[in-house]
């Protein structure tokens, strides 16, 4: 049976897939939402897409009067990525960390032809106070970092020799990019050298669950809480990496906004520590976060083999304003790598 086609919207009213998905919805426990018979009235591609999975907005009606929206995530492969996200969301939900509630999970691919998960669509609240949003994001991150490797189990493997292993991965990516680029290989050679310099550092690493991509497009602010989504990059690593990764984005926003008074980046660090988080070797992890992100951005944006694979990224950065923003942001990341201290 073919899986969902992520390249177009699907008229679920007349699709066999709709019938199977509808039967599945009525076979799982949706009692928190409705006790009636559920009917799918719309399924379309969501405006925000994952880099390796398709995301759909699922509108449902029930004969008891319930109407609502759910999120359907469809995963490639054998279900490992789907199970990883399902496991993480389940653990965090029990720990009262704000994440979408999972209503259904199919690893087998028997229903839609591919593994999928059906989850709550968190309703976004307008952000009236940037500092309140930053505070909520820091609180959620502390909750994430409270999860130990033993609580996650085998769904996330502990990397040997962290963070050296991350730097080896960056160097490997840069070598591939140098060999396959159609433009300037020196861009990748420079990042390779930065990775070698960081390898000489001797730093601590307390292994906990980290998000790995804690940018604010992966946070939904709702009712004063920061709900965390998109766990594709989650791993067992040093919590300071997440903190530094977010700080780099906020520091960039502080600069381009010309913000006076307390910076958002400083407020984020203050809130993270106030809620019980601790930070170690901050400058090292700030450079590591900048290096990993910049290496990936260059690999997928420079003309070459890897850029051909990253179609979704190229689609997002096609407009002139997006290209201009990306250029400025990459310059910011390079300034972090070249900074003293």
Protein backbone atom coordinates (compact mmCIF):
# COMPACT_ATOMS: atom_id res chain seq x y z
CA UNK A 1 0.00 0.00 0.00
CA UNK A 2 1.46 3.42 -0.86
CA UNK A 3 2.16 5.85 1.95
CA UNK A 4 1.02 9.42 2.25
CA UNK A 5 2.28 11.70 -0.50
CA UNK A 6 4.06 14.61 1.22
CA UNK A 7 4.20 16.68 -1.99
CA UNK A 8 0.51 17.62 -2.11
CA UNK A 9 -2.61 18.05 -0.03
CA UNK A 10 -4.88 15.02 0.20
CA UNK A 11 -8.65 15.03 -0.15
CA UNK A 12 -9.33 12.81 2.82
CA UNK A 13 -13.09 12.68 2.19
CA UNK A 14 -12.69 10.21 -0.69
CA UNK A 15 -9.37 8.51 0.03
CA UNK A 16 -8.91 4.89 1.11
CA UNK A 17 -6.20 6.20 3.37
CA UNK A 18 -8.77 8.47 4.98
CA UNK A 19 -10.94 5.50 5.73
CA UNK A 20 -8.05 3.59 7.31
CA UNK A 21 -6.93 6.59 9.33
CA UNK A 22 -10.49 7.27 10.44
CA UNK A 23 -10.91 3.65 11.54
CA UNK A 24 -7.63 3.94 13.43
CA UNK A 25 -8.78 7.09 15.22
CA UNK A 26 -11.89 5.34 16.40
CA UNK A 27 -9.90 2.34 17.62
CA UNK A 28 -7.63 4.33 19.94
CA UNK A 29 -8.44 6.10 23.16
CA UNK A 30 -9.66 9.63 22.39
CA UNK A 31 -11.91 9.79 25.44
CA UNK A 32 -10.13 12.91 26.68
CA UNK A 33 -11.34 14.64 23.52
CA UNK A 34 -14.58 12.91 22.61
CA UNK A 35 -16.72 9.88 23.40
CA UNK A 36 -18.39 9.99 20.00
CA UNK A 37 -17.55 8.57 16.59
CA UNK A 38 -14.78 10.62 14.96
CA UNK A 39 -14.83 11.70 11.33
CA UNK A 40 -11.92 13.25 9.44
CA UNK A 41 -13.06 16.39 7.63
CA UNK A 42 -9.68 17.67 6.42
CA UNK A 43 -6.05 16.62 6.19
CA UNK A 44 -3.51 18.97 4.67
CA UNK A 45 0.18 19.65 4.85
CA UNK A 46 1.02 21.80 7.87
CA UNK A 47 2.78 25.11 7.25
CA UNK A 48 5.78 23.96 9.30
CA UNK A 49 7.51 20.84 7.98
CA UNK A 50 10.17 18.65 9.56
CA UNK A 51 13.41 18.13 7.67
CA UNK A 52 12.93 14.36 7.51
CA UNK A 53 9.23 13.79 8.20
CA UNK A 54 5.96 15.11 6.82
CA UNK A 55 3.60 16.99 9.13
CA UNK A 56 -0.14 17.25 8.52
CA UNK A 57 -2.95 19.20 10.12
CA UNK A 58 -5.80 16.82 10.85
CA UNK A 59 -9.28 18.26 11.45
CA UNK A 60 -11.75 15.96 13.18
CA UNK A 61 -15.45 16.12 14.00
CA UNK A 62 -17.39 13.73 16.25
CA UNK A 63 -21.08 12.95 16.50
CA UNK A 64 -21.17 14.26 20.08
CA UNK A 65 -20.45 17.77 18.79
CA UNK A 66 -16.67 17.75 19.29
CA UNK A 67 -14.54 19.54 16.69
CA UNK A 68 -10.79 19.86 16.92
CA UNK A 69 -7.40 19.82 15.25
CA UNK A 70 -4.64 17.26 15.67
CA UNK A 71 -1.14 16.92 14.27
CA UNK A 72 -0.19 13.91 12.18
CA UNK A 73 3.54 13.24 11.76
CA UNK A 74 4.53 10.68 9.15
CA UNK A 75 8.06 9.27 9.39
CA UNK A 76 10.36 7.63 6.85
CA UNK A 77 12.14 4.34 7.43
CA UNK A 78 11.45 1.46 9.77
CA UNK A 79 9.87 3.34 12.65
CA UNK A 80 12.97 4.02 14.76
CA UNK A 81 12.65 7.80 14.40
CA UNK A 82 8.97 7.62 15.18
CA UNK A 83 9.56 5.52 18.29
CA UNK A 84 12.32 7.87 19.45
CA UNK A 85 10.00 10.88 19.40
CA UNK A 86 7.11 8.91 20.90
CA UNK A 87 9.28 7.69 23.77
CA UNK A 88 10.70 11.14 24.54
CA UNK A 89 7.29 12.84 24.46
CA UNK A 90 5.80 10.15 26.69
CA UNK A 91 8.54 10.50 29.31
CA UNK A 92 8.42 14.29 29.34
CA UNK A 93 4.63 14.31 29.58
CA UNK A 94 4.80 12.16 32.71
CA UNK A 95 7.41 14.56 34.13
CA UNK A 96 5.04 17.51 33.52
CA UNK A 97 7.37 19.12 30.99
CA UNK A 98 5.17 20.98 28.47
CA UNK A 99 5.05 18.85 25.30
CA UNK A 100 2.19 17.87 22.99
CA UNK A 101 0.13 14.93 24.23
CA UNK A 102 0.37 11.82 22.05
CA UNK A 103 -2.98 10.21 21.15
CA UNK A 104 -1.84 7.56 18.70
CA UNK A 105 1.34 5.88 17.55
CA UNK A 106 1.91 3.29 14.81
CA UNK A 107 5.43 1.97 14.31
CA UNK A 108 4.50 -0.84 11.93
CA UNK A 109 3.43 1.22 8.93
CA UNK A 110 0.44 -1.08 8.41
CA UNK A 111 -2.19 1.66 8.59
CA UNK A 112 -0.75 4.36 6.29
CA UNK A 113 2.21 2.58 4.71
CA UNK A 114 4.62 4.53 6.92
CA UNK A 115 5.09 4.93 10.69
CA UNK A 116 3.16 7.83 12.15
CA UNK A 117 2.13 9.60 15.34
CA UNK A 118 -1.03 11.56 16.10
CA UNK A 119 -0.66 14.25 18.74
CA UNK A 120 -2.19 17.32 20.27
CA UNK A 121 -2.04 20.56 18.32
CA UNK A 122 -0.99 23.07 20.93
CA UNK A 123 -2.78 26.39 20.41
CA UNK A 124 -0.34 29.26 20.17
CA UNK A 125 -0.85 32.25 22.48
CA UNK A 126 0.25 35.72 21.37
CA UNK A 127 3.57 36.74 22.93
CA UNK A 128 2.93 40.04 24.65
CA UNK A 129 6.14 39.96 26.72
CA UNK A 130 9.34 38.57 25.18
CA UNK A 131 10.91 38.13 28.62
CA UNK A 132 7.98 36.02 29.85
CA UNK A 133 8.36 33.81 26.77
CA UNK A 134 12.12 33.47 27.37
CA UNK A 135 11.48 32.61 31.01
CA UNK A 136 9.00 29.86 30.05
CA UNK A 137 11.46 28.47 27.47
CA UNK A 138 14.21 28.31 30.08
CA UNK A 139 11.92 26.53 32.55
CA UNK A 140 10.98 23.88 29.98
CA UNK A 141 14.64 23.35 29.12
CA UNK A 142 15.52 22.70 32.77
CA UNK A 143 12.79 20.05 32.82
CA UNK A 144 14.21 18.40 29.70
CA UNK A 145 17.70 18.34 31.19
CA UNK A 146 16.44 16.58 34.31
CA UNK A 147 15.96 13.37 32.28
CA UNK A 148 18.80 10.87 32.79
CA UNK A 149 20.05 8.29 30.26
CA UNK A 150 18.56 5.45 32.32
CA UNK A 151 15.09 6.99 31.98
CA UNK A 152 15.41 7.14 28.20
CA UNK A 153 16.68 3.58 27.81
CA UNK A 154 17.95 2.27 24.48
CA UNK A 155 15.99 4.73 22.34
CA UNK A 156 18.98 7.14 22.50
CA UNK A 157 22.49 5.73 22.44
CA UNK A 158 25.18 7.36 24.57
CA UNK A 159 27.97 8.60 22.32
CA UNK A 160 31.45 7.44 23.24
CA UNK A 161 33.91 10.19 24.05
CA UNK A 162 31.41 13.04 23.96
CA UNK A 163 31.94 15.82 22.88
CA UNK A 164 34.93 14.62 20.81
CA UNK A 165 32.60 12.43 18.76
CA UNK A 166 30.57 15.47 17.69
CA UNK A 167 33.72 17.19 16.47
CA UNK A 168 34.74 14.11 14.49
CA UNK A 169 31.32 14.13 12.84
CA UNK A 170 31.75 17.80 11.92
CA UNK A 171 35.16 17.08 10.40
CA UNK A 172 33.77 14.15 8.41
CA UNK A 173 30.94 16.33 7.07
CA UNK A 174 33.43 19.02 6.10
CA UNK A 175 35.64 16.54 4.23
CA UNK A 176 32.66 15.25 2.25
CA UNK A 177 31.58 18.83 1.53
CA UNK A 178 35.08 19.84 0.39
CA UNK A 179 35.24 16.89 -2.00
CA UNK A 180 31.77 17.39 -3.48
CA UNK A 181 31.28 21.16 -3.50
CA UNK A 182 30.88 22.94 -6.82
CA UNK A 183 32.06 26.24 -5.38
CA UNK A 184 34.60 27.20 -2.70
CA UNK A 185 36.05 24.29 -0.66
CA UNK A 186 37.92 26.71 1.64
CA UNK A 187 34.67 27.48 3.46
CA UNK A 188 34.67 23.89 4.68
CA UNK A 189 38.42 23.78 5.29
CA UNK A 190 38.09 26.72 7.69
CA UNK A 191 35.36 24.96 9.69
CA UNK A 192 37.42 21.75 9.70
CA UNK A 193 40.25 23.69 11.36
CA UNK A 194 37.89 25.14 13.96
CA UNK A 195 36.82 21.60 14.84
CA UNK A 196 40.45 20.56 15.26
CA UNK A 197 41.08 23.48 17.62
CA UNK A 198 38.08 22.56 19.77
CA UNK A 199 39.31 18.97 19.97
CA UNK A 200 42.26 20.22 22.01
CA UNK A 201 39.94 21.47 24.76
CA UNK A 202 39.45 19.45 27.91
CA UNK A 203 35.89 19.91 29.09
CA UNK A 204 33.37 18.15 31.29
CA UNK A 205 30.23 16.48 30.00
CA UNK A 206 27.27 15.56 32.23
CA UNK A 207 25.10 13.26 30.16
CA UNK A 208 21.40 14.13 30.10
CA UNK A 209 18.61 14.36 27.55
CA UNK A 210 19.08 17.41 25.33
CA UNK A 211 16.85 18.73 22.56
CA UNK A 212 19.71 19.44 20.17
CA UNK A 213 17.84 22.13 18.19
CA UNK A 214 16.37 24.40 20.84
CA UNK A 215 15.53 27.28 18.55
CA UNK A 216 12.30 29.16 19.01
CA UNK A 217 10.67 27.70 15.92
CA UNK A 218 10.56 24.49 17.97
CA UNK A 219 8.69 26.07 20.87
CA UNK A 220 4.97 26.80 20.96
CA UNK A 221 4.02 29.37 23.60
CA UNK A 222 0.61 28.60 25.06
CA UNK A 223 -1.03 29.75 28.31
CA UNK A 224 2.29 30.96 29.75
CA UNK A 225 4.02 27.64 29.03
CA UNK A 226 6.66 26.76 26.43
CA UNK A 227 5.65 23.53 24.68
CA UNK A 228 8.63 21.85 23.02
CA UNK A 229 8.21 20.11 19.65
CA UNK A 230 10.36 18.44 16.95
CA UNK A 231 12.72 16.00 18.64
CA UNK A 232 14.63 14.87 15.54
CA UNK A 233 17.95 16.14 16.94
CA UNK A 234 17.52 14.89 20.52
CA UNK A 235 20.44 13.00 22.05
CA UNK A 236 22.21 12.21 25.29
CA UNK A 237 24.79 14.96 25.77
CA UNK A 238 25.85 17.94 27.88
CA UNK A 239 22.91 20.23 28.81
CA UNK A 240 25.08 23.33 28.37
CA UNK A 241 25.05 22.63 24.62
CA UNK A 242 21.30 23.37 24.48
CA UNK A 243 21.75 26.48 26.59
CA UNK A 244 24.58 27.76 24.40
CA UNK A 245 22.69 26.93 21.20
CA UNK A 246 19.71 29.00 22.33
CA UNK A 247 21.94 31.76 23.67
CA UNK A 248 23.58 32.11 20.23
CA UNK A 249 20.20 32.71 18.60
CA UNK A 250 19.10 35.18 21.28
CA UNK A 251 22.42 37.01 21.16
CA UNK A 252 21.94 37.40 17.41
CA UNK A 253 18.45 38.79 17.99
CA UNK A 254 19.81 41.20 20.62
CA UNK A 255 22.34 42.54 18.12
CA UNK A 256 20.11 42.97 15.09
CA UNK A 257 17.34 44.48 17.23
CA UNK A 258 19.67 46.99 18.87
CA UNK A 259 18.10 46.00 22.17
CA UNK A 260 18.90 48.23 25.13
CA UNK A 261 18.61 47.28 28.79
CA UNK A 262 18.72 43.61 29.72
CA UNK A 263 19.42 41.43 26.71
CA UNK A 264 17.15 38.46 25.97
CA UNK A 265 20.23 36.23 25.90
CA UNK A 266 21.19 37.33 29.43
CA UNK A 267 17.61 36.92 30.68
CA UNK A 268 17.55 33.37 29.31
CA UNK A 269 20.70 32.39 31.23
CA UNK A 270 19.35 33.99 34.40
CA UNK A 271 16.05 32.12 34.14
CA UNK A 272 17.71 28.80 33.32
CA UNK A 273 19.85 28.99 36.47
CA UNK A 274 16.98 30.29 38.60
CA UNK A 275 14.91 27.21 37.73
CA UNK A 276 17.73 24.92 38.80
CA UNK A 277 19.80 24.46 35.67
CA UNK A 278 23.59 24.68 35.83
CA UNK A 279 26.07 25.73 33.16
CA UNK A 280 29.65 24.51 32.66
CA UNK A 281 32.36 25.34 30.11
CA UNK A 282 29.97 27.81 28.50
CA UNK A 283 32.35 29.32 25.94
CA UNK A 284 33.41 25.90 24.67
CA UNK A 285 29.83 24.72 24.21
CA UNK A 286 28.89 28.04 22.68
CA UNK A 287 31.55 27.50 20.01
CA UNK A 288 30.56 23.86 19.56
CA UNK A 289 26.91 24.86 19.04
CA UNK A 290 27.95 27.55 16.54
CA UNK A 291 30.28 25.17 14.71
CA UNK A 292 27.77 22.33 14.36
CA UNK A 293 25.03 24.64 13.11
CA UNK A 294 27.30 26.57 10.76
CA UNK A 295 28.77 23.36 9.33
CA UNK A 296 25.29 22.07 8.54
CA UNK A 297 24.12 25.40 7.10
CA UNK A 298 27.15 25.61 4.80
CA UNK A 299 26.82 21.97 3.74
CA UNK A 300 23.18 22.35 2.68
CA UNK A 301 23.42 25.86 1.21
CA UNK A 302 26.66 25.65 -0.79
CA UNK A 303 26.19 24.09 -4.25
CA UNK A 304 27.15 20.43 -4.11
CA UNK A 305 26.00 16.90 -3.34
CA UNK A 306 24.59 17.56 0.15
CA UNK A 307 22.68 20.62 -1.04
CA UNK A 308 20.92 18.46 -3.62
CA UNK A 309 19.60 16.24 -0.83
CA UNK A 310 18.42 19.12 1.38
CA UNK A 311 15.48 20.18 -0.78
CA UNK A 312 13.28 21.29 2.10
CA UNK A 313 15.97 23.63 3.44
CA UNK A 314 16.59 25.14 0.00
CA UNK A 315 12.86 25.69 -0.42
CA UNK A 316 12.69 27.59 2.89
CA UNK A 317 15.64 29.84 2.04
CA UNK A 318 14.76 30.63 -1.57
CA UNK A 319 13.41 34.15 -1.04
CA UNK A 320 15.80 37.13 -1.08
CA UNK A 321 14.99 38.14 2.49
CA UNK A 322 15.65 34.59 3.71
CA UNK A 323 18.98 34.50 1.87
CA UNK A 324 19.98 37.85 3.35
CA UNK A 325 19.02 36.72 6.84
CA UNK A 326 20.93 33.45 6.43
CA UNK A 327 24.06 35.29 5.31
CA UNK A 328 23.94 37.62 8.32
CA UNK A 329 23.29 34.75 10.72
CA UNK A 330 26.21 32.73 9.35
CA UNK A 331 28.46 35.76 9.86
CA UNK A 332 27.26 35.88 13.48
CA UNK A 333 28.14 32.21 13.99
CA UNK A 334 31.61 32.77 12.51
CA UNK A 335 32.17 35.67 14.90
CA UNK A 336 31.50 33.29 17.81
CA UNK A 337 34.06 30.82 16.48
CA UNK A 338 36.65 33.57 16.08
CA UNK A 339 36.00 35.24 19.43
CA UNK A 340 38.50 35.29 22.28
CA UNK A 341 37.80 33.94 25.77
